[in-house]
Full PDB file with SEQRES, HELIX, SHEET, SSBOND, CRYST1, ORIGX, SCALE, CONECT and MASTER records, all heavy atoms in Angstrom:
SEQRES   1 A   31  ALA GLU ALA LEU LYS VAL GLY LEU ILE ASP GLU VAL VAL          
SEQRES   2 A   31  SER PHE ASP ARG ILE GLN THR ALA ALA GLY ARG LYS ALA          
SEQRES   3 A   31  LYS GLN TYR MET GLN                                          
HELIX    1 AA1 GLU A    2  VAL A    6  1                                   5    
HELIX    2 AA2 PHE A   15  ARG A   17  5                                   3    
HELIX    3 AA3 ILE A   18  MET A   30  1                                  13    
CRYST1    1.000    1.000    1.000  90.00  90.00  90.00 P 1           1          
ORIGX1      1.000000  0.000000  0.000000        0.00000                         
ORIGX2      0.000000  1.000000  0.000000        0.00000                         
ORIGX3      0.000000  0.000000  1.000000        0.00000                         
SCALE1      1.000000  0.000000  0.000000        0.00000                         
SCALE2      0.000000  1.000000  0.000000        0.00000                         
SCALE3      0.000000  0.000000  1.000000        0.00000                         
ATOM      1  N   ALA A   1      83.574-237.066  14.817  1.00  0.00           N  
ATOM      2  CA  ALA A   1      83.747-235.605  14.827  1.00  0.00           C  
ATOM      3  C   ALA A   1      84.262-235.109  16.177  1.00  0.00           C  
ATOM      4  O   ALA A   1      85.138-234.239  16.244  1.00  0.00           O  
ATOM      5  CB  ALA A   1      82.427-234.922  14.479  1.00  0.00           C  
ATOM      6  N   GLU A   2      83.730-235.680  17.256  1.00  0.00           N  
ATOM      7  CA  GLU A   2      84.158-235.266  18.602  1.00  0.00           C  
ATOM      8  C   GLU A   2      85.572-235.758  18.898  1.00  0.00           C  
ATOM      9  O   GLU A   2      86.386-235.045  19.491  1.00  0.00           O  
ATOM     10  CB  GLU A   2      83.170-235.823  19.643  1.00  0.00           C  
ATOM     11  CG  GLU A   2      83.204-235.068  20.954  1.00  0.00           C  
ATOM     12  CD  GLU A   2      82.232-235.619  21.997  1.00  0.00           C  
ATOM     13  OE1 GLU A   2      81.213-236.242  21.610  1.00  0.00           O  
ATOM     14  OE2 GLU A   2      82.502-235.430  23.186  1.00  0.00           O  
ATOM     15  N   ALA A   3      85.869-236.975  18.450  1.00  0.00           N  
ATOM     16  CA  ALA A   3      87.215-237.532  18.637  1.00  0.00           C  
ATOM     17  C   ALA A   3      88.251-236.678  17.904  1.00  0.00           C  
ATOM     18  O   ALA A   3      89.363-236.463  18.401  1.00  0.00           O  
ATOM     19  CB  ALA A   3      87.254-238.972  18.132  1.00  0.00           C  
ATOM     20  N   LEU A   4      87.872-236.171  16.747  1.00  0.00           N  
ATOM     21  CA  LEU A   4      88.758-235.309  15.950  1.00  0.00           C  
ATOM     22  C   LEU A   4      89.009-233.992  16.684  1.00  0.00           C  
ATOM     23  O   LEU A   4      90.131-233.495  16.745  1.00  0.00           O  
ATOM     24  CB  LEU A   4      88.109-235.051  14.586  1.00  0.00           C  
ATOM     25  CG  LEU A   4      88.902-234.203  13.584  1.00  0.00           C  
ATOM     26  CD1 LEU A   4      90.176-234.920  13.150  1.00  0.00           C  
ATOM     27  CD2 LEU A   4      88.052-233.884  12.366  1.00  0.00           C  
ATOM     28  N   LYS A   5      87.943-233.451  17.273  1.00  0.00           N  
ATOM     29  CA  LYS A   5      88.020-232.158  17.967  1.00  0.00           C  
ATOM     30  C   LYS A   5      88.984-232.207  19.155  1.00  0.00           C  
ATOM     31  O   LYS A   5      89.725-231.258  19.398  1.00  0.00           O  
ATOM     32  CB  LYS A   5      86.615-231.774  18.450  1.00  0.00           C  
ATOM     33  CG  LYS A   5      86.419-230.277  18.547  1.00  0.00           C  
ATOM     34  CD  LYS A   5      84.936-229.908  18.570  1.00  0.00           C  
ATOM     35  CE  LYS A   5      84.444-229.754  20.005  1.00  0.00           C  
ATOM     36  NZ  LYS A   5      82.993-229.499  20.068  1.00  0.00           N  
ATOM     37  N   VAL A   6      88.993-233.334  19.891  1.00  0.00           N  
ATOM     38  CA  VAL A   6      89.860-233.416  21.073  1.00  0.00           C  
ATOM     39  C   VAL A   6      91.251-233.975  20.754  1.00  0.00           C  
ATOM     40  O   VAL A   6      92.090-234.109  21.637  1.00  0.00           O  
ATOM     41  CB  VAL A   6      89.221-234.250  22.216  1.00  0.00           C  
ATOM     42  CG1 VAL A   6      87.954-233.585  22.718  1.00  0.00           C  
ATOM     43  CG2 VAL A   6      88.962-235.687  21.800  1.00  0.00           C  
ATOM     44  N   GLY A   7      91.489-234.339  19.470  1.00  0.00           N  
ATOM     45  CA  GLY A   7      92.812-234.840  19.095  1.00  0.00           C  
ATOM     46  C   GLY A   7      93.008-236.330  19.307  1.00  0.00           C  
ATOM     47  O   GLY A   7      94.126-236.830  19.234  1.00  0.00           O  
ATOM     48  N   LEU A   8      91.912-237.038  19.579  1.00  0.00           N  
ATOM     49  CA  LEU A   8      92.011-238.490  19.742  1.00  0.00           C  
ATOM     50  C   LEU A   8      92.274-239.142  18.382  1.00  0.00           C  
ATOM     51  O   LEU A   8      92.962-240.146  18.285  1.00  0.00           O  
ATOM     52  CB  LEU A   8      90.711-239.018  20.364  1.00  0.00           C  
ATOM     53  CG  LEU A   8      90.581-240.525  20.606  1.00  0.00           C  
ATOM     54  CD1 LEU A   8      91.770-241.075  21.381  1.00  0.00           C  
ATOM     55  CD2 LEU A   8      89.284-240.839  21.343  1.00  0.00           C  
ATOM     56  N   ILE A   9      91.704-238.544  17.327  1.00  0.00           N  
ATOM     57  CA  ILE A   9      92.034-238.967  15.966  1.00  0.00           C  
ATOM     58  C   ILE A   9      92.478-237.727  15.186  1.00  0.00           C  
ATOM     59  O   ILE A   9      92.265-236.601  15.634  1.00  0.00           O  
ATOM     60  CB  ILE A   9      90.849-239.676  15.258  1.00  0.00           C  
ATOM     61  CG1 ILE A   9      89.609-238.778  15.244  1.00  0.00           C  
ATOM     62  CG2 ILE A   9      90.545-241.014  15.909  1.00  0.00           C  
ATOM     63  CD1 ILE A   9      88.475-239.329  14.419  1.00  0.00           C  
ATOM     64  N   ASP A  10      93.103-237.959  14.029  1.00  0.00           N  
ATOM     65  CA  ASP A  10      93.712-236.864  13.267  1.00  0.00           C  
ATOM     66  C   ASP A  10      92.965-236.499  11.993  1.00  0.00           C  
ATOM     67  O   ASP A  10      93.112-235.398  11.485  1.00  0.00           O  
ATOM     68  CB  ASP A  10      95.153-237.232  12.910  1.00  0.00           C  
ATOM     69  CG  ASP A  10      95.963-237.573  14.152  1.00  0.00           C  
ATOM     70  OD1 ASP A  10      96.220-236.655  14.936  1.00  0.00           O  
ATOM     71  OD2 ASP A  10      96.299-238.761  14.354  1.00  0.00           O  
ATOM     72  N   GLU A  11      92.209-237.452  11.462  1.00  0.00           N  
ATOM     73  CA  GLU A  11      91.466-237.198  10.223  1.00  0.00           C  
ATOM     74  C   GLU A  11      90.200-238.038  10.245  1.00  0.00           C  
ATOM     75  O   GLU A  11      90.198-239.130  10.806  1.00  0.00           O  
ATOM     76  CB  GLU A  11      92.257-237.666   8.988  1.00  0.00           C  
ATOM     77  CG  GLU A  11      93.498-236.898   8.647  1.00  0.00           C  
ATOM     78  CD  GLU A  11      94.196-237.518   7.427  1.00  0.00           C  
ATOM     79  OE1 GLU A  11      93.610-237.486   6.315  1.00  0.00           O  
ATOM     80  OE2 GLU A  11      95.302-238.058   7.590  1.00  0.00           O  
ATOM     81  N   VAL A  12      89.155-237.526   9.597  1.00  0.00           N  
ATOM     82  CA  VAL A  12      87.942-238.312   9.366  1.00  0.00           C  
ATOM     83  C   VAL A  12      87.706-238.318   7.856  1.00  0.00           C  
ATOM     84  O   VAL A  12      87.655-237.256   7.235  1.00  0.00           O  
ATOM     85  CB  VAL A  12      86.713-237.711  10.091  1.00  0.00           C  
ATOM     86  CG1 VAL A  12      85.465-238.533   9.790  1.00  0.00           C  
ATOM     87  CG2 VAL A  12      86.940-237.654  11.601  1.00  0.00           C  
ATOM     88  N   VAL A  13      87.625-239.505   7.279  1.00  0.00           N  
ATOM     89  CA  VAL A  13      87.370-239.616   5.835  1.00  0.00           C  
ATOM     90  C   VAL A  13      86.309-240.690   5.612  1.00  0.00           C  
ATOM     91  O   VAL A  13      86.023-241.474   6.523  1.00  0.00           O  
ATOM     92  CB  VAL A  13      88.655-239.992   5.035  1.00  0.00           C  
ATOM     93  CG1 VAL A  13      89.754-238.951   5.229  1.00  0.00           C  
ATOM     94  CG2 VAL A  13      89.171-241.374   5.415  1.00  0.00           C  
ATOM     95  N   SER A  14      85.756-240.742   4.409  1.00  0.00           N  
ATOM     96  CA  SER A  14      84.783-241.803   4.130  1.00  0.00           C  
ATOM     97  C   SER A  14      85.514-243.146   4.099  1.00  0.00           C  
ATOM     98  O   SER A  14      86.721-243.196   3.811  1.00  0.00           O  
ATOM     99  CB  SER A  14      84.078-241.545   2.803  1.00  0.00           C  
ATOM    100  OG  SER A  14      85.027-241.537   1.768  1.00  0.00           O  
ATOM    101  N   PHE A  15      84.797-244.208   4.397  1.00  0.00           N  
ATOM    102  CA  PHE A  15      85.411-245.536   4.476  1.00  0.00           C  
ATOM    103  C   PHE A  15      86.192-245.880   3.205  1.00  0.00           C  
ATOM    104  O   PHE A  15      87.300-246.412   3.276  1.00  0.00           O  
ATOM    105  CB  PHE A  15      84.343-246.610   4.743  1.00  0.00           C  
ATOM    106  CG  PHE A  15      84.894-248.010   4.670  1.00  0.00           C  
ATOM    107  CD1 PHE A  15      85.668-248.524   5.701  1.00  0.00           C  
ATOM    108  CD2 PHE A  15      84.667-248.804   3.549  1.00  0.00           C  
ATOM    109  CE1 PHE A  15      86.201-249.812   5.626  1.00  0.00           C  
ATOM    110  CE2 PHE A  15      85.202-250.093   3.466  1.00  0.00           C  
ATOM    111  CZ  PHE A  15      85.968-250.598   4.513  1.00  0.00           C  
ATOM    112  N   ASP A  16      85.662-245.540   2.057  1.00  0.00           N  
ATOM    113  CA  ASP A  16      86.330-245.940   0.808  1.00  0.00           C  
ATOM    114  C   ASP A  16      87.589-245.116   0.514  1.00  0.00           C  
ATOM    115  O   ASP A  16      88.346-245.440  -0.392  1.00  0.00           O  
ATOM    116  CB  ASP A  16      85.357-245.909  -0.396  1.00  0.00           C  
ATOM    117  CG  ASP A  16      84.636-244.581  -0.535  1.00  0.00           C  
ATOM    118  OD1 ASP A  16      85.053-243.610   0.133  1.00  0.00           O  
ATOM    119  OD2 ASP A  16      83.663-244.506  -1.309  1.00  0.00           O  
ATOM    120  N   ARG A  17      87.829-244.066   1.311  1.00  0.00           N  
ATOM    121  CA  ARG A  17      89.048-243.265   1.113  1.00  0.00           C  
ATOM    122  C   ARG A  17      90.101-243.496   2.180  1.00  0.00           C  
ATOM    123  O   ARG A  17      91.189-242.914   2.142  1.00  0.00           O  
ATOM    124  CB  ARG A  17      88.679-241.775   1.079  1.00  0.00           C  
ATOM    125  CG  ARG A  17      88.025-241.343  -0.242  1.00  0.00           C  
ATOM    126  CD  ARG A  17      87.784-239.848  -0.300  1.00  0.00           C  
ATOM    127  NE  ARG A  17      88.938-239.084   0.177  1.00  0.00           N  
ATOM    128  CZ  ARG A  17      88.868-238.130   1.101  1.00  0.00           C  
ATOM    129  NH1 ARG A  17      87.707-237.812   1.650  1.00  0.00           N  
ATOM    130  NH2 ARG A  17      89.947-237.482   1.473  1.00  0.00           N  
ATOM    131  N   ILE A  18      89.789-244.371   3.134  1.00  0.00           N  
ATOM    132  CA  ILE A  18      90.660-244.498   4.307  1.00  0.00           C  
ATOM    133  C   ILE A  18      92.032-245.098   3.965  1.00  0.00           C  
ATOM    134  O   ILE A  18      93.055-244.658   4.455  1.00  0.00           O  
ATOM    135  CB  ILE A  18      89.927-245.264   5.451  1.00  0.00           C  
ATOM    136  CG1 ILE A  18      90.560-244.946   6.812  1.00  0.00           C  
ATOM    137  CG2 ILE A  18      89.884-246.753   5.210  1.00  0.00           C  
ATOM    138  CD1 ILE A  18      89.663-245.310   7.999  1.00  0.00           C  
ATOM    139  N   GLN A  19      92.040-246.082   3.053  1.00  0.00           N  
ATOM    140  CA  GLN A  19      93.307-246.707   2.636  1.00  0.00           C  
ATOM    141  C   GLN A  19      94.222-245.684   1.963  1.00  0.00           C  
ATOM    142  O   GLN A  19      95.415-245.623   2.255  1.00  0.00           O  
ATOM    143  CB  GLN A  19      93.003-247.826   1.634  1.00  0.00           C  
ATOM    144  CG  GLN A  19      92.348-249.030   2.247  1.00  0.00           C  
ATOM    145  CD  GLN A  19      93.359-250.143   2.452  1.00  0.00           C  
ATOM    146  OE1 GLN A  19      94.461-250.098   1.949  1.00  0.00           O  
ATOM    147  NE2 GLN A  19      92.985-251.141   3.218  1.00  0.00           N  
ATOM    148  N   THR A  20      93.640-244.902   1.050  1.00  0.00           N  
ATOM    149  CA  THR A  20      94.405-243.882   0.322  1.00  0.00           C  
ATOM    150  C   THR A  20      94.975-242.858   1.284  1.00  0.00           C  
ATOM    151  O   THR A  20      96.144-242.482   1.205  1.00  0.00           O  
ATOM    152  CB  THR A  20      93.483-243.152  -0.692  1.00  0.00           C  
ATOM    153  OG1 THR A  20      92.680-244.133  -1.342  1.00  0.00           O  
ATOM    154  CG2 THR A  20      94.266-242.372  -1.716  1.00  0.00           C  
ATOM    155  N   ALA A  21      94.131-242.405   2.222  1.00  0.00           N  
ATOM    156  CA  ALA A  21      94.558-241.391   3.196  1.00  0.00           C  
ATOM    157  C   ALA A  21      95.682-241.934   4.083  1.00  0.00           C  
ATOM    158  O   ALA A  21      96.653-241.226   4.379  1.00  0.00           O  
ATOM    159  CB  ALA A  21      93.372-240.954   4.041  1.00  0.00           C  
ATOM    160  N   ALA A  22      95.565-243.201   4.480  1.00  0.00           N  
ATOM    161  CA  ALA A  22      96.595-243.823   5.333  1.00  0.00           C  
ATOM    162  C   ALA A  22      97.910-243.951   4.568  1.00  0.00           C  
ATOM    163  O   ALA A  22      98.988-243.663   5.107  1.00  0.00           O  
ATOM    164  CB  ALA A  22      96.119-245.187   5.815  1.00  0.00           C  
ATOM    165  N   GLY A  23      97.823-244.377   3.318  1.00  0.00           N  
ATOM    166  CA  GLY A  23      99.018-244.502   2.479  1.00  0.00           C  
ATOM    167  C   GLY A  23      99.702-243.157   2.282  1.00  0.00           C  
ATOM    168  O   GLY A  23     100.931-243.048   2.341  1.00  0.00           O  
ATOM    169  N   ARG A  24      98.887-242.127   2.075  1.00  0.00           N  
ATOM    170  CA  ARG A  24      99.433-240.777   1.857  1.00  0.00           C  
ATOM    171  C   ARG A  24     100.193-240.300   3.094  1.00  0.00           C  
ATOM    172  O   ARG A  24     101.284-239.741   2.997  1.00  0.00           O  
ATOM    173  CB  ARG A  24      98.280-239.817   1.539  1.00  0.00           C  
ATOM    174  CG  ARG A  24      98.753-238.426   1.105  1.00  0.00           C  
ATOM    175  CD  ARG A  24      97.598-237.446   0.890  1.00  0.00           C  
ATOM    176  NE  ARG A  24      96.606-237.971  -0.026  1.00  0.00           N  
ATOM    177  CZ  ARG A  24      95.289-238.016   0.229  1.00  0.00           C  
ATOM    178  NH1 ARG A  24      94.820-237.575   1.385  1.00  0.00           N  
ATOM    179  NH2 ARG A  24      94.444-238.488  -0.662  1.00  0.00           N  
ATOM    180  N   LYS A  25      99.609-240.523   4.262  1.00  0.00           N  
ATOM    181  CA  LYS A  25     100.266-240.078   5.506  1.00  0.00           C  
ATOM    182  C   LYS A  25     101.561-240.853   5.732  1.00  0.00           C  
ATOM    183  O   LYS A  25     102.588-240.275   6.112  1.00  0.00           O  
ATOM    184  CB  LYS A  25      99.319-240.270   6.692  1.00  0.00           C  
ATOM    185  CG  LYS A  25      99.817-239.597   7.959  1.00  0.00           C  
ATOM    186  CD  LYS A  25      99.810-238.082   7.808  1.00  0.00           C  
ATOM    187  CE  LYS A  25     100.585-237.392   8.916  1.00  0.00           C  
ATOM    188  NZ  LYS A  25     100.498-235.931   8.812  1.00  0.00           N  
ATOM    189  N   ALA A  26     101.516-242.160   5.490  1.00  0.00           N  
ATOM    190  CA  ALA A  26     102.724-242.991   5.656  1.00  0.00           C  
ATOM    191  C   ALA A  26     103.840-242.461   4.757  1.00  0.00           C  
ATOM    192  O   ALA A  26     104.990-242.308   5.185  1.00  0.00           O  
ATOM    193  CB  ALA A  26     102.407-244.441   5.332  1.00  0.00           C  
ATOM    194  N   LYS A  27     103.487-242.142   3.509  1.00  0.00           N  
ATOM    195  CA  LYS A  27     104.497-241.653   2.550  1.00  0.00           C  
ATOM    196  C   LYS A  27     105.058-240.297   2.965  1.00  0.00           C  
ATOM    197  O   LYS A  27     106.232-240.010   2.730  1.00  0.00           O  
ATOM    198  CB  LYS A  27     103.895-241.571   1.138  1.00  0.00           C  
ATOM    199  CG  LYS A  27     103.785-242.948   0.501  1.00  0.00           C  
ATOM    200  CD  LYS A  27     103.090-242.904  -0.846  1.00  0.00           C  
ATOM    201  CE  LYS A  27     102.952-244.321  -1.389  1.00  0.00           C  
ATOM    202  NZ  LYS A  27     101.935-244.418  -2.443  1.00  0.00           N  
ATOM    203  N   GLN A  28     104.215-239.485   3.576  1.00  0.00           N  
ATOM    204  CA  GLN A  28     104.709-238.191   4.067  1.00  0.00           C  
ATOM    205  C   GLN A  28     105.819-238.416   5.098  1.00  0.00           C  
ATOM    206  O   GLN A  28     106.875-237.795   5.029  1.00  0.00           O  
ATOM    207  CB  GLN A  28     103.570-237.388   4.696  1.00  0.00           C  
ATOM    208  CG  GLN A  28     104.021-235.990   5.155  1.00  0.00           C  
ATOM    209  CD  GLN A  28     103.028-235.347   6.109  1.00  0.00           C  
ATOM    210  OE1 GLN A  28     101.832-235.648   6.091  1.00  0.00           O  
ATOM    211  NE2 GLN A  28     103.509-234.459   6.961  1.00  0.00           N  
ATOM    212  N   TYR A  29     105.573-239.334   6.039  1.00  0.00           N  
ATOM    213  CA  TYR A  29     106.590-239.647   7.055  1.00  0.00           C  
ATOM    214  C   TYR A  29     107.818-240.313   6.429  1.00  0.00           C  
ATOM    215  O   TYR A  29     108.945-240.086   6.860  1.00  0.00           O  
ATOM    216  CB  TYR A  29     106.006-240.583   8.123  1.00  0.00           C  
ATOM    217  CG  TYR A  29     105.044-239.944   9.104  1.00  0.00           C  
ATOM    218  CD1 TYR A  29     103.972-240.683   9.605  1.00  0.00           C  
ATOM    219  CD2 TYR A  29     105.210-238.643   9.545  1.00  0.00           C  
ATOM    220  CE1 TYR A  29     103.086-240.124  10.528  1.00  0.00           C  
ATOM    221  CE2 TYR A  29     104.330-238.077  10.470  1.00  0.00           C  
ATOM    222  CZ  TYR A  29     103.268-238.827  10.955  1.00  0.00           C  
ATOM    223  OH  TYR A  29     102.399-238.277  11.861  1.00  0.00           O  
ATOM    224  N   MET A  30     107.587-241.156   5.425  1.00  0.00           N  
ATOM    225  CA  MET A  30     108.677-241.937   4.817  1.00  0.00           C  
ATOM    226  C   MET A  30     109.674-241.061   4.052  1.00  0.00           C  
ATOM    227  O   MET A  30     110.791-241.468   3.802  1.00  0.00           O  
ATOM    228  CB  MET A  30     108.093-242.992   3.865  1.00  0.00           C  
ATOM    229  CG  MET A  30     107.522-244.207   4.584  1.00  0.00           C  
ATOM    230  SD  MET A  30     106.275-245.095   3.591  1.00  0.00           S  
ATOM    231  CE  MET A  30     107.199-245.612   2.148  1.00  0.00           C  
ATOM    232  N   GLN A  31     109.240-239.850   3.673  1.00  0.00           N  
ATOM    233  CA  GLN A  31     110.143-239.008   2.875  1.00  0.00           C  
ATOM    234  C   GLN A  31     111.233-238.353   3.734  1.00  0.00           C  
ATOM    235  O   GLN A  31     112.212-237.845   3.218  1.00  0.00           O  
ATOM    236  CB  GLN A  31     109.336-237.934   2.136  1.00  0.00           C  
ATOM    237  CG  GLN A  31     108.798-236.866   3.071  1.00  0.00           C  
ATOM    238  CD  GLN A  31     107.916-235.848   2.358  1.00  0.00           C  
ATOM    239  OE1 GLN A  31     107.988-235.715   1.151  1.00  0.00           O  
ATOM    240  NE2 GLN A  31     107.096-235.136   3.114  1.00  0.00           N  
TER     241      GLN A  31                                                      
MASTER        0    0    0    3    0    0    0    6  240    1    0    3          
END                                                                             
């Protein structure tokens, strides 16, 4: 939560959603 607040990370999700979230972000850039 603190890392997110300072911009060290961009998203916090549950472990089981991390792959989906990463794939989604990659596809956003890929378009």
